Protein backbone atom coordinates (compact mmCIF):
# COMPACT_ATOMS: atom_id res chain seq x y z
CA MET A 1 4.81 -16.92 25.36
CA PHE A 2 6.31 -18.31 22.41
CA ILE A 3 3.00 -18.97 20.70
CA ILE A 4 2.28 -15.19 20.98
CA GLY A 5 5.67 -14.46 19.57
CA TYR A 6 5.02 -16.78 16.48
CA LEU A 7 1.62 -15.32 16.04
CA LEU A 8 2.95 -11.73 16.04
CA MET A 9 5.65 -12.91 13.54
CA ALA A 10 3.08 -14.36 11.22
CA ILE A 11 0.96 -11.12 11.47
CA ALA A 12 4.03 -9.17 10.70
CA ARG A 13 5.01 -11.28 7.58
CA ILE A 14 1.23 -11.20 6.20
CA LEU A 15 1.04 -7.33 6.76
CA ASP A 16 4.37 -6.86 4.96
CA PHE A 17 3.18 -9.03 2.15
CA VAL A 18 -0.13 -7.15 1.78
CA LEU A 19 1.58 -3.78 1.95
CA LEU A 20 4.15 -4.85 -0.70
CA PHE A 21 1.57 -5.99 -3.01
CA PHE A 22 -0.44 -2.68 -2.51
CA MET A 23 2.67 -0.79 -3.33
CA ILE A 24 3.08 -2.55 -6.49
CA PHE A 25 -0.53 -1.87 -7.44
CA ILE A 26 0.05 1.81 -6.75
CA ILE A 27 3.03 1.68 -9.02
CA ALA A 28 0.98 -0.08 -11.64
CA ARG A 29 -1.79 2.45 -11.25
CA ALA A 30 0.76 5.46 -11.77
CA VAL A 31 2.23 3.58 -14.98
CA LEU A 32 -1.12 3.06 -16.34
CA SER A 33 -2.04 6.67 -15.93
CA TRP A 34 0.92 7.63 -18.29
CA VAL A 35 -0.47 5.47 -21.09
CA SER A 36 -4.21 5.13 -22.44
CA PRO A 37 -5.08 1.65 -21.53
CA ASP A 38 -8.32 0.02 -22.42
CA PRO A 39 -10.79 0.72 -19.62
CA TYR A 40 -12.62 -2.46 -20.23
CA ASN A 41 -9.48 -4.62 -19.68
CA PRO A 42 -10.14 -6.70 -16.52
CA ILE A 43 -6.54 -6.20 -15.23
CA VAL A 44 -6.85 -2.30 -15.70
CA ARG A 45 -10.29 -2.43 -13.91
CA PHE A 46 -8.99 -4.70 -11.13
CA ILE A 47 -6.07 -2.30 -10.39
CA HIS A 48 -8.36 0.69 -10.52
CA ASN A 49 -10.87 -0.91 -8.24
CA VAL A 50 -8.20 -1.92 -5.74
CA THR A 51 -6.35 1.56 -5.53
CA GLU A 52 -9.22 4.06 -6.11
CA PRO A 53 -10.87 3.84 -2.67
CA ILE A 54 -7.52 4.95 -0.91
CA LEU A 55 -6.55 7.44 -3.45
CA TYR A 56 -9.97 8.89 -3.46
CA ARG A 57 -9.75 9.61 0.19
CA ILE A 58 -6.38 11.23 -0.18
CA ARG A 59 -7.80 13.42 -2.85
CA THR A 60 -10.76 14.57 -0.90
CA LYS A 61 -8.70 15.27 2.33
CA ILE A 62 -5.75 17.10 0.77
CA PRO A 63 -5.78 18.91 -2.50
CA VAL A 64 -2.83 17.08 -4.19
CA VAL A 65 -3.43 17.91 -7.71
CA LEU A 66 -0.91 20.69 -8.88
CA GLY A 67 -0.71 21.59 -12.63
CA GLY A 68 -2.58 18.34 -13.71
CA ILE A 69 -0.22 16.06 -11.86
CA ASP A 70 -1.92 13.85 -9.18
CA PHE A 71 0.41 13.43 -6.07
CA SER A 72 -1.91 11.17 -4.28
CA PRO A 73 -0.14 7.90 -5.15
CA ILE A 74 3.12 9.55 -3.94
CA ILE A 75 1.53 10.14 -0.65
CA VAL A 76 -0.10 6.60 -0.40
CA PHE A 77 3.56 5.25 -1.29
CA VAL A 78 5.01 7.19 1.42
CA VAL A 79 2.53 6.03 4.11
CA ILE A 80 2.94 2.32 2.84
CA MET A 81 6.75 2.67 3.27
CA PHE A 82 6.18 4.17 6.86
CA LEU A 83 4.03 1.35 7.70
CA ARG A 84 6.44 -1.20 6.46
CA ASP A 85 9.32 0.37 8.30
CA PHE A 86 7.67 1.21 11.34
CA VAL A 87 4.84 -1.19 12.09
CA VAL A 88 6.03 -4.42 10.51
CA ASN A 89 9.53 -3.99 12.08
CA SER A 90 8.00 -3.24 15.48
CA LEU A 91 5.97 -6.35 15.33
CA VAL A 92 9.05 -8.54 14.29
CA ARG A 93 10.95 -6.95 17.19
CA ILE A 94 8.19 -7.75 19.71
CA SER A 95 7.74 -11.16 18.45
CA LYS A 96 11.46 -11.90 18.64
CA SER A 97 11.64 -10.75 22.28
CA LEU A 98 8.87 -13.06 23.10
CA LEU A 99 10.51 -16.04 21.68
């Protein structure tokens, strides 16, 4: 059973890493929305291409634009925090119980 425990621990670490980087991309997207970056800059395009599919889905499901302020990054940020706290920690606890 220890192999399954190590597998779950590795999955939890990878998931935590991916969620952390996506959270950083969401923050970068919010900061970029405050300034006028060059839309042809490769870094700006990459951040936009990574975050837009998720933010677009939130915007279509929930009207989160009030007074010109887009609250969809905040909703995604809260969901990521929940996933990191609940799912990742649950996987870590399950893996430790199997070791």
